[in-house]
Amino acid sequence: MLKVLFVASEAVPFIKTGGLADVAGSLPKALRGKGVDIRVVLPKYAGIPASYRQQMEVVCRMEIAVAWRKKYLGIEKLEEGGITWYFIDNEEYFARDGCYGYDDDAERFAFFSRAVLALLPAVDFWPDILHTNDWHTGLINVFLKLSPPEEPRYGHIRTVFTIHNLKYQGIFPKEIMTDVLGLDWKYFNNGDLEYYDAVNFMKGAIVYADHITTVSRTYAEEIQYEYFGEGLNGLLHSRREHLTGIVNGIDTALYDPATDPHLVKNYDRTTAMRKIDNKVALQRELNLPERRRTPLIAMITRLVEAKGLDLVMRIIDELLIHEDFQFVLLGVGDRFYEDWFRELAWRHPQKVSIHIGFDNALAQRLYAGSEMFLMPSMYEPCGIGQLIALRYGSIPIVRATGGLKDTVHPYHKETGTGNGFLFPNFNAHELMYAIKRGLAIYKHIESWQGLVENAMDADYGWPRSAEEYAVLYETLAR
């Protein structure tokens, strides 16, 4: 049986700050279903719920070197969801609020990377593949190649490194080379870890990984160009033969309108007309006029520039004045955007409802009660919102970038094919045209019903993605 050790800095159900946690929580289970012996390693953060912490059993305690320092390492173990999870314990580094954003993050995750390699003989699990994710785990690839322990079995391990978002790279002052990483300066001077006279953890991971993946096929192409490449496009292009895009999936048991407990009426592809009942209940909940044939457009998003909010701001007032639809936004982020959208609701109280914050139950009701889902991102490595929207029959209106382009396909009324509406350029007028096209198609009941069925037919569960990873693992392990 193929053995894989999957390493991440966060994972559902233990701790989450972003989409990486969803992947790390779901992909291993899907791979287990493909017959892979997969185990997962996480830091033991203080934020992990006590109900899980109390179930962990100590595997071993030891000391490991972090450059010139000796640091305590505890390895703890927990069985959850059919997966063996290992937790790296060191209260100095991980008994804090949150996961990231500390001045000593370079040292914290250098320790974590060293600890993962020290874990293998301690638990007697020697993987064929060591799968690391984002900059927090990138040094594992570096240490495995540049300063492996003497045990010969380390030399047989192959590495996969997944880029979930290239924007966040783990860049630190160059002085950490010897003081924290304990590496020879030659690996900085030859450019392997150097990035504008600083140390770049993600760059090192890309250089030393046996194979690199990212979370959609289009994003794998985009990041080889300057606009999306965040300064690493040249390196990624040079490693293009070892770079693969694999679209993320969603947990189809969790996101299932047929069983979702948050909905007024459950439905599936054959009973999708019940979406209207969910919409009316949502209109009532949000103090919007209850109008069954007025389409509702939803956004569930972080309120940051990259999500295309500036495009929405340029066109939404004009659309609300001249078109018949309602608009609901749920999200939190930059104060500027929060205030702007609050004022939008004040200007259009009969058409707009804005909710600053995050409410998972409300999010589920928005997917179920909306006819259209807006996601006009500047860039989007994969995206999860559009996948959930498709599952719930809410038609995505998206920019053709990254994972959005790979998962949302243009609707053609003449042939009845496609599952959404796309616009190619980051341009407000193109977004407006896409929204108007969606509103126009909505008026044709039979066409719209076919479009909703197309959306709900889309298969973006984890098994398909897991199969691609399993094939990649097998190829590397040969």
Protein backbone atom coordinates (compact mmCIF):
# COMPACT_ATOMS: atom_id res chain seq x y z
CA MET A 1 0.00 0.00 0.00
CA LEU A 2 1.27 3.47 -0.93
CA LYS A 3 2.25 5.46 2.16
CA VAL A 4 1.80 9.25 2.27
CA LEU A 5 2.54 11.74 5.05
CA PHE A 6 0.47 14.88 4.51
CA VAL A 7 1.74 17.97 6.35
CA ALA A 8 -0.20 21.21 6.79
CA SER A 9 -0.30 24.19 9.14
CA GLU A 10 -4.08 23.91 9.67
CA ALA A 11 -6.90 21.46 9.06
CA VAL A 12 -10.60 21.02 9.71
CA PRO A 13 -11.95 20.00 12.23
CA PHE A 14 -9.06 21.05 14.47
CA ILE A 15 -8.19 24.61 13.45
CA LYS A 16 -8.98 26.84 10.47
CA THR A 17 -8.06 30.27 9.15
CA GLY A 18 -8.65 29.68 5.43
CA GLY A 19 -9.25 27.26 2.58
CA LEU A 20 -6.09 25.25 3.26
CA ALA A 21 -7.80 23.83 6.35
CA ASP A 22 -10.71 22.53 4.26
CA VAL A 23 -8.32 20.81 1.86
CA ALA A 24 -6.22 19.29 4.64
CA GLY A 25 -9.37 18.05 6.35
CA SER A 26 -11.03 16.52 3.29
CA LEU A 27 -8.36 15.37 0.82
CA PRO A 28 -6.72 12.80 3.16
CA LYS A 29 -10.11 11.15 3.75
CA ALA A 30 -10.72 10.92 0.01
CA LEU A 31 -7.23 9.49 -0.53
CA ARG A 32 -7.88 6.95 2.19
CA GLY A 33 -10.90 5.91 0.16
CA LYS A 34 -8.55 5.31 -2.79
CA GLY A 35 -6.52 2.82 -0.76
CA VAL A 36 -3.70 5.20 0.25
CA ASP A 37 -2.20 4.77 3.74
CA ILE A 38 -2.19 8.48 4.55
CA ARG A 39 -1.46 10.21 7.84
CA VAL A 40 -1.49 13.92 8.64
CA VAL A 41 0.78 16.15 10.74
CA LEU A 42 -0.26 19.49 12.31
CA PRO A 43 1.13 21.85 14.95
CA LYS A 44 -0.58 21.44 18.31
CA TYR A 45 -2.01 24.95 18.59
CA ALA A 46 -3.65 26.27 21.74
CA GLY A 47 -6.73 26.99 19.61
CA ILE A 48 -7.47 23.30 18.98
CA PRO A 49 -10.66 22.53 20.94
CA ALA A 50 -10.17 20.87 24.31
CA SER A 51 -12.41 17.99 23.21
CA TYR A 52 -9.71 16.97 20.73
CA ARG A 53 -6.71 17.86 22.89
CA GLN A 54 -7.96 15.62 25.68
CA GLN A 55 -8.11 12.62 23.34
CA MET A 56 -4.51 12.95 22.14
CA GLU A 57 -2.04 10.33 23.36
CA VAL A 58 1.65 11.03 23.76
CA VAL A 59 3.80 9.04 21.32
CA CYS A 60 7.16 10.34 22.49
CA ARG A 61 9.08 13.30 23.88
CA MET A 62 12.54 14.38 22.76
CA GLU A 63 14.74 17.33 21.93
CA ILE A 64 15.68 18.46 18.43
CA ALA A 65 18.04 21.10 17.10
CA VAL A 66 16.83 24.38 15.60
CA ALA A 67 20.15 25.69 14.29
CA TRP A 68 22.23 26.07 17.49
CA ARG A 69 19.26 25.69 19.87
CA LYS A 70 17.90 22.55 21.50
CA LYS A 71 14.11 22.59 21.68
CA TYR A 72 11.54 20.30 23.25
CA LEU A 73 9.47 18.21 20.85
CA GLY A 74 6.40 16.27 21.86
CA ILE A 75 4.63 14.04 19.35
CA GLU A 76 0.98 13.27 20.06
CA LYS A 77 -1.50 11.14 18.16
CA LEU A 78 -5.25 11.07 17.55
CA GLU A 79 -7.54 8.94 15.40
CA GLU A 80 -10.28 11.05 13.84
CA GLY A 81 -12.48 10.43 10.79
CA GLY A 82 -10.61 7.25 9.89
CA ILE A 83 -7.29 9.14 9.69
CA THR A 84 -4.27 9.04 11.99
CA TRP A 85 -3.30 12.60 12.96
CA TYR A 86 0.01 13.54 14.54
CA PHE A 87 0.44 16.80 16.47
CA ILE A 88 3.76 18.57 17.00
CA ASP A 89 3.80 19.86 20.57
CA ASN A 90 5.93 22.76 21.78
CA GLU A 91 4.17 25.33 23.93
CA GLU A 92 6.85 27.97 23.35
CA TYR A 93 5.96 28.03 19.65
CA PHE A 94 2.33 26.96 19.44
CA ALA A 95 0.55 27.74 22.73
CA ARG A 96 -0.60 31.13 21.39
CA ASP A 97 -3.70 32.73 19.95
CA GLY A 98 -4.16 32.04 16.25
CA CYS A 99 -1.76 30.30 13.90
CA TYR A 100 0.35 32.96 12.19
CA GLY A 101 1.49 36.56 12.30
CA TYR A 102 4.17 36.41 14.98
CA ASP A 103 7.64 37.95 14.78
CA ASP A 104 9.25 34.54 15.21
CA ASP A 105 7.19 32.72 12.55
CA ALA A 106 10.39 31.80 10.71
CA GLU A 107 11.68 29.97 13.77
CA ARG A 108 8.30 28.45 14.62
CA PHE A 109 7.86 26.83 11.24
CA ALA A 110 11.54 25.93 10.86
CA PHE A 111 11.06 23.98 14.11
CA PHE A 112 7.86 22.43 12.76
CA SER A 113 9.66 21.34 9.59
CA ARG A 114 12.53 19.77 11.52
CA ALA A 115 10.02 18.10 13.84
CA VAL A 116 8.15 16.46 10.96
CA LEU A 117 11.35 14.77 9.79
CA ALA A 118 12.18 13.72 13.37
CA LEU A 119 8.70 12.20 13.64
CA LEU A 120 9.26 9.44 11.07
CA PRO A 121 11.47 7.09 13.13
CA ALA A 122 9.58 7.99 16.30
CA VAL A 123 6.28 6.65 14.91
CA ASP A 124 7.94 4.13 12.54
CA PHE A 125 6.08 5.46 9.52
CA TRP A 126 8.25 5.78 6.43
CA PRO A 127 6.24 7.38 3.64
CA ASP A 128 6.77 6.94 -0.05
CA ILE A 129 5.51 10.50 -0.49
CA LEU A 130 5.82 13.48 1.83
CA HIS A 131 3.16 16.01 0.77
CA THR A 132 3.75 19.56 2.04
CA ASN A 133 1.48 22.58 1.69
CA ASP A 134 2.23 26.31 1.42
CA TRP A 135 5.21 28.13 2.88
CA HIS A 136 4.71 27.00 6.47
CA THR A 137 5.80 23.46 5.55
CA GLY A 138 8.07 24.32 2.62
CA LEU A 139 11.32 23.92 4.57
CA ILE A 140 10.63 20.19 4.94
CA ASN A 141 11.56 19.80 1.26
CA VAL A 142 14.70 21.87 1.84
CA PHE A 143 15.86 20.08 4.98
CA LEU A 144 15.15 16.65 3.46
CA LYS A 145 17.50 17.38 0.56
CA LEU A 146 20.14 19.57 2.23
CA SER A 147 20.50 18.24 5.75
CA PRO A 148 18.74 14.88 6.08
CA PRO A 149 19.34 12.68 9.13
CA GLU A 150 21.76 9.82 8.58
CA GLU A 151 19.01 7.18 8.43
CA PRO A 152 19.14 5.93 4.78
CA ARG A 153 15.36 5.56 4.49
CA TYR A 154 15.04 9.36 4.25
CA GLY A 155 16.74 9.15 0.87
CA HIS A 156 13.88 7.11 -0.62
CA ILE A 157 11.15 9.68 0.19
CA ARG A 158 9.73 11.75 -2.68
CA THR A 159 8.13 15.14 -2.06
CA VAL A 160 5.05 16.90 -3.41
CA PHE A 161 4.57 20.58 -2.59
CA THR A 162 1.19 22.24 -3.12
CA ILE A 163 0.80 25.98 -3.66
CA HIS A 164 -2.60 27.04 -2.35
CA ASN A 165 -1.98 30.77 -2.78
CA LEU A 166 1.25 32.07 -4.27
CA LYS A 167 0.78 35.51 -2.73
CA TYR A 168 1.83 34.28 0.72
CA GLN A 169 5.42 33.03 0.52
CA GLY A 170 7.05 33.24 3.96
CA ILE A 171 9.71 35.91 3.38
CA PHE A 172 12.13 36.67 6.23
CA PRO A 173 15.44 38.52 6.81
CA LYS A 174 18.46 36.70 5.42
CA GLU A 175 20.08 36.48 8.87
CA ILE A 176 17.88 33.47 9.63
CA MET A 177 19.96 31.31 7.24
CA THR A 178 22.40 30.23 9.93
CA ASP A 179 20.77 31.55 13.10
CA VAL A 180 17.40 29.82 12.56
CA LEU A 181 17.65 27.43 9.61
CA GLY A 182 21.16 26.22 10.33
CA LEU A 183 21.99 26.08 6.62
CA ASP A 184 25.15 26.98 4.77
CA TRP A 185 25.18 30.42 3.15
CA LYS A 186 25.95 28.82 -0.20
CA TYR A 187 22.26 27.90 -0.55
CA PHE A 188 21.41 31.55 -0.21
CA ASN A 189 24.18 32.79 -2.47
CA ASN A 190 23.29 30.36 -5.26
CA GLY A 191 19.69 31.68 -5.30
CA ASP A 192 17.92 28.57 -3.99
CA LEU A 193 16.50 30.41 -0.97
CA GLU A 194 17.37 34.02 -1.78
CA TYR A 195 14.63 36.43 -2.82
CA TYR A 196 15.52 40.13 -3.10
CA ASP A 197 18.17 39.74 -0.40
CA ALA A 198 15.77 37.89 1.92
CA VAL A 199 14.96 34.22 2.58
CA ASN A 200 11.85 32.88 0.87
CA PHE A 201 10.43 29.64 2.32
CA MET A 202 8.11 28.99 -0.62
CA LYS A 203 10.89 29.51 -3.13
CA GLY A 204 13.00 26.94 -1.33
CA ALA A 205 10.10 24.50 -1.36
CA ILE A 206 9.62 24.93 -5.12
CA VAL A 207 13.34 24.48 -5.81
CA TYR A 208 13.68 21.30 -3.77
CA ALA A 209 10.32 19.55 -4.21
CA ASP A 210 10.26 16.56 -6.53
CA HIS A 211 6.90 17.73 -7.86
CA ILE A 212 4.80 20.87 -7.43
CA THR A 213 1.04 21.08 -7.60
CA THR A 214 -1.40 23.92 -7.35
CA VAL A 215 -5.13 23.98 -6.95
CA SER A 216 -6.37 24.36 -10.53
CA ARG A 217 -5.09 23.75 -14.04
CA THR A 218 -5.52 27.36 -15.12
CA TYR A 219 -3.74 28.71 -12.03
CA ALA A 220 -0.82 26.37 -12.79
CA GLU A 221 -0.50 28.14 -16.15
CA GLU A 222 -1.18 31.64 -14.83
CA ILE A 223 1.52 31.61 -12.16
CA GLN A 224 4.17 31.11 -14.83
CA TYR A 225 3.47 34.67 -16.04
CA GLU A 226 4.43 37.93 -14.38
CA TYR A 227 0.91 39.20 -13.65
CA PHE A 228 0.06 36.22 -11.44
CA GLY A 229 3.55 34.97 -10.60
CA GLU A 230 4.25 37.12 -7.51
CA GLY A 231 7.93 37.28 -8.43
CA LEU A 232 8.34 33.49 -8.75
CA ASN A 233 7.02 33.11 -12.30
CA GLY A 234 10.47 32.53 -13.78
CA LEU A 235 11.26 29.75 -11.32
CA LEU A 236 7.86 28.15 -11.83
CA HIS A 237 8.26 28.30 -15.59
CA SER A 238 11.65 26.62 -15.29
CA ARG A 239 9.98 23.78 -13.33
CA ARG A 240 6.91 23.55 -15.57
CA GLU A 241 7.60 19.89 -16.39
CA HIS A 242 7.17 19.16 -12.68
CA LEU A 243 4.13 21.41 -12.11
CA THR A 244 0.55 20.11 -12.15
CA GLY A 245 -2.79 21.78 -11.51
CA ILE A 246 -5.39 19.67 -9.66
CA VAL A 247 -8.71 21.32 -8.86
CA ASN A 248 -9.80 21.18 -5.22
CA GLY A 249 -13.03 19.47 -4.30
CA ILE A 250 -15.73 20.05 -1.69
CA ASP A 251 -17.23 17.79 0.94
CA THR A 252 -20.41 16.73 -0.84
CA ALA A 253 -21.87 15.25 2.34
CA LEU A 254 -21.48 18.56 4.17
CA TYR A 255 -22.67 20.65 1.22
CA ASP A 256 -25.79 18.79 0.15
CA PRO A 257 -29.07 20.67 -0.37
CA ALA A 258 -30.95 17.38 -0.03
CA THR A 259 -29.90 16.99 3.61
CA ASP A 260 -28.67 20.44 4.72
CA PRO A 261 -30.30 21.09 8.13
CA HIS A 262 -30.12 24.88 7.67
CA LEU A 263 -32.67 24.97 4.85
CA VAL A 264 -36.41 25.54 5.05
CA LYS A 265 -36.94 22.99 2.29
CA ASN A 266 -34.42 20.43 1.16
CA TYR A 267 -34.13 19.67 -2.53
CA ASP A 268 -32.10 17.90 -5.18
CA ARG A 269 -31.71 18.20 -8.94
CA THR A 270 -35.21 16.83 -9.58
CA THR A 271 -36.89 19.14 -7.04
CA ALA A 272 -34.81 22.27 -7.62
CA MET A 273 -37.95 24.45 -7.85
CA ARG A 274 -38.00 24.28 -4.04
CA LYS A 275 -35.16 26.79 -4.13
CA ILE A 276 -37.85 29.45 -4.46
CA ASP A 277 -39.31 28.46 -1.08
CA ASN A 278 -35.86 28.85 0.44
CA LYS A 279 -35.56 32.24 -1.24
CA VAL A 280 -38.85 33.50 0.13
CA ALA A 281 -37.90 32.37 3.63
CA LEU A 282 -34.55 34.12 3.20
CA GLN A 283 -36.23 37.33 2.01
CA ARG A 284 -38.41 37.24 5.09
CA GLU A 285 -35.39 36.64 7.35
CA LEU A 286 -33.45 39.52 5.78
CA ASN A 287 -36.39 41.97 5.73
CA LEU A 288 -36.47 42.12 1.94
CA PRO A 289 -39.75 42.17 0.00
CA GLU A 290 -41.00 38.60 -0.52
CA ARG A 291 -41.05 38.31 -4.31
CA ARG A 292 -40.87 34.80 -5.78
CA ARG A 293 -39.91 35.84 -9.31
CA THR A 294 -37.36 38.50 -8.37
CA PRO A 295 -33.92 36.93 -8.70
CA LEU A 296 -31.59 37.12 -5.74
CA ILE A 297 -27.83 37.53 -6.31
CA ALA A 298 -25.53 36.53 -3.43
CA MET A 299 -21.90 37.20 -2.55
CA ILE A 300 -20.13 35.31 0.24
CA THR A 301 -16.60 36.60 0.38
CA ARG A 302 -13.70 38.12 2.23
CA LEU A 303 -13.97 41.87 1.77
CA VAL A 304 -10.57 42.47 0.19
CA GLU A 305 -9.43 43.95 -3.10
CA ALA A 306 -8.52 40.62 -4.71
CA LYS A 307 -12.16 39.50 -4.61
CA GLY A 308 -13.19 42.06 -7.25
CA LEU A 309 -15.22 44.28 -4.96
CA ASP A 310 -14.11 47.43 -6.76
CA LEU A 311 -15.76 46.15 -9.94
CA VAL A 312 -19.00 45.54 -8.05
CA MET A 313 -18.86 49.02 -6.52
CA ARG A 314 -18.62 50.66 -9.95
CA ILE A 315 -21.76 49.05 -11.37
CA ILE A 316 -24.07 47.89 -8.59
CA ASP A 317 -25.99 51.15 -8.07
CA GLU A 318 -26.77 51.48 -11.77
CA LEU A 319 -27.89 47.86 -11.96
CA LEU A 320 -30.09 48.15 -8.88
CA ILE A 321 -31.81 51.23 -10.33
CA HIS A 322 -32.47 49.76 -13.76
CA GLU A 323 -32.84 46.00 -13.18
CA ASP A 324 -35.20 43.89 -11.08
CA PHE A 325 -33.13 41.84 -8.60
CA GLN A 326 -32.10 41.70 -4.95
CA PHE A 327 -28.52 41.62 -3.70
CA VAL A 328 -27.22 40.03 -0.48
CA LEU A 329 -23.61 40.11 0.72
CA LEU A 330 -22.09 38.16 3.61
CA GLY A 331 -18.47 38.73 4.58
CA VAL A 332 -15.88 40.52 6.64
CA GLY A 333 -12.62 42.24 5.80
CA ASP A 334 -11.29 45.71 5.06
CA ARG A 335 -13.16 48.48 6.86
CA PHE A 336 -13.40 50.53 3.65
CA TYR A 337 -15.42 47.81 1.91
CA GLU A 338 -17.52 47.06 4.98
CA ASP A 339 -18.58 50.70 5.23
CA TRP A 340 -19.21 51.06 1.50
CA PHE A 341 -21.54 48.10 1.34
CA ARG A 342 -23.38 49.18 4.48
CA GLU A 343 -24.08 52.48 2.71
CA LEU A 344 -25.25 50.54 -0.36
CA ALA A 345 -27.92 48.88 1.79
CA TRP A 346 -28.92 52.30 3.14
CA ARG A 347 -29.33 53.61 -0.42
CA HIS A 348 -31.37 50.58 -1.58
CA PRO A 349 -33.20 49.21 1.49
CA GLN A 350 -35.79 47.33 -0.60
CA LYS A 351 -33.19 45.55 -2.73
CA VAL A 352 -30.01 45.09 -0.67
CA SER A 353 -29.11 43.29 2.55
CA ILE A 354 -25.53 43.42 3.86
CA HIS A 355 -24.18 41.24 6.69
CA ILE A 356 -20.70 42.04 7.97
CA GLY A 357 -19.19 39.03 9.69
CA PHE A 358 -19.48 35.33 8.98
CA ASP A 359 -22.40 33.07 9.77
CA ASN A 360 -22.10 29.55 8.39
CA ALA A 361 -25.81 28.78 8.68
CA LEU A 362 -26.71 31.99 6.84
CA ALA A 363 -24.13 31.15 4.18
CA GLN A 364 -25.84 27.81 3.56
CA ARG A 365 -29.22 29.52 3.28
CA LEU A 366 -27.74 32.03 0.81
CA TYR A 367 -26.45 29.27 -1.45
CA ALA A 368 -29.87 27.62 -1.35
CA GLY A 369 -31.99 30.78 -1.63
CA SER A 370 -30.06 32.66 -4.31
CA GLU A 371 -30.48 32.26 -8.04
CA MET A 372 -27.01 33.63 -8.84
CA PHE A 373 -23.67 33.70 -7.06
CA LEU A 374 -21.23 36.54 -7.74
CA MET A 375 -17.46 35.92 -7.68
CA PRO A 376 -15.62 38.52 -9.84
CA SER A 377 -12.14 37.80 -8.45
CA MET A 378 -8.97 39.53 -9.58
CA TYR A 379 -7.32 36.10 -9.24
CA GLU A 380 -8.56 32.87 -7.69
CA PRO A 381 -6.22 29.87 -7.28
CA CYS A 382 -9.19 27.52 -7.01
CA GLY A 383 -12.15 28.96 -5.15
CA ILE A 384 -14.67 27.03 -3.10
CA GLY A 385 -17.68 29.37 -3.22
CA GLN A 386 -18.47 28.64 -6.86
CA LEU A 387 -18.27 24.88 -6.21
CA ILE A 388 -20.77 25.08 -3.37
CA ALA A 389 -22.98 27.39 -5.44
CA LEU A 390 -23.07 24.85 -8.29
CA ARG A 391 -23.96 22.11 -5.84
CA TYR A 392 -26.90 24.21 -4.59
CA GLY A 393 -28.05 25.30 -8.06
CA SER A 394 -27.02 28.95 -7.61
CA ILE A 395 -25.58 29.97 -10.96
CA PRO A 396 -22.04 31.41 -10.71
CA ILE A 397 -21.17 34.72 -12.36
CA VAL A 398 -17.38 34.72 -12.29
CA ARG A 399 -14.25 36.11 -13.85
CA ALA A 400 -12.50 33.58 -16.10
CA THR A 401 -9.39 33.13 -13.96
CA GLY A 402 -7.77 30.29 -12.03
CA GLY A 403 -10.10 27.66 -10.67
CA LEU A 404 -13.15 29.71 -11.64
CA LYS A 405 -12.31 29.19 -15.31
CA ASP A 406 -11.76 25.46 -14.75
CA THR A 407 -15.05 24.82 -12.97
CA VAL A 408 -17.56 27.30 -14.42
CA HIS A 409 -18.36 26.83 -18.10
CA PRO A 410 -20.14 29.44 -20.28
CA TYR A 411 -23.85 28.89 -20.72
CA HIS A 412 -25.08 28.71 -24.33
CA LYS A 413 -28.83 29.09 -24.66
CA GLU A 414 -28.85 27.67 -28.17
CA THR A 415 -27.36 24.32 -27.09
CA GLY A 416 -28.39 24.34 -23.43
CA THR A 417 -24.81 23.62 -22.36
CA GLY A 418 -22.75 25.29 -19.66
CA ASN A 419 -23.29 26.02 -15.97
CA GLY A 420 -22.61 29.71 -15.46
CA PHE A 421 -21.64 33.13 -16.80
CA LEU A 422 -18.03 34.30 -17.22
CA PHE A 423 -16.28 37.50 -18.20
CA PRO A 424 -12.62 37.42 -19.32
CA ASN A 425 -11.08 40.73 -18.27
CA PHE A 426 -10.96 42.48 -14.91
CA ASN A 427 -13.35 45.12 -16.14
CA ALA A 428 -16.51 46.53 -14.55
CA HIS A 429 -18.44 46.76 -17.83
CA GLU A 430 -17.72 43.12 -18.62
CA LEU A 431 -19.01 42.18 -15.18
CA MET A 432 -22.14 44.25 -15.77
CA TYR A 433 -22.76 42.51 -19.08
CA ALA A 434 -22.38 39.07 -17.44
CA ILE A 435 -24.89 39.98 -14.73
CA LYS A 436 -27.35 41.38 -17.27
CA ARG A 437 -27.05 38.21 -19.32
CA GLY A 438 -27.84 36.14 -16.26
CA LEU A 439 -30.86 38.29 -15.45
CA ALA A 440 -32.08 37.99 -19.04
CA ILE A 441 -31.79 34.19 -19.09
CA TYR A 442 -33.61 33.99 -15.76
CA LYS A 443 -36.73 35.37 -17.42
CA HIS A 444 -36.91 32.25 -19.62
CA ILE A 445 -38.13 29.63 -17.16
CA GLU A 446 -37.30 26.51 -19.21
CA SER A 447 -33.81 27.75 -20.09
CA TRP A 448 -33.13 28.65 -16.48
CA GLN A 449 -34.37 25.31 -15.22
CA GLY A 450 -31.99 23.55 -17.62
CA LEU A 451 -29.13 25.77 -16.48
CA VAL A 452 -29.80 24.92 -12.82
CA GLU A 453 -29.83 21.22 -13.68
CA ASN A 454 -26.49 21.60 -15.47
CA ALA A 455 -25.04 23.29 -12.40
CA MET A 456 -26.25 20.60 -10.02
CA ASP A 457 -24.93 17.87 -12.35
CA ALA A 458 -21.36 19.15 -11.91
CA ASP A 459 -19.18 16.76 -9.92
CA TYR A 460 -16.64 18.57 -7.78
CA GLY A 461 -16.44 16.17 -4.86
CA TRP A 462 -13.05 15.12 -3.53
CA PRO A 463 -12.90 11.58 -5.00
CA ARG A 464 -12.10 12.84 -8.50
CA SER A 465 -9.32 15.12 -7.26
CA ALA A 466 -8.02 12.41 -4.94
CA GLU A 467 -7.70 10.05 -7.89
CA GLU A 468 -5.45 12.56 -9.66
CA TYR A 469 -3.27 12.88 -6.57
CA ALA A 470 -3.10 9.10 -6.16
CA VAL A 471 -1.91 8.68 -9.75
CA LEU A 472 0.71 11.41 -9.23
CA TYR A 473 1.93 9.74 -6.01
CA GLU A 474 2.21 6.35 -7.71
CA THR A 475 4.19 7.85 -10.59
CA LEU A 476 6.66 9.55 -8.25
CA ALA A 477 7.05 6.51 -6.01
CA ARG A 478 8.11 4.19 -8.85
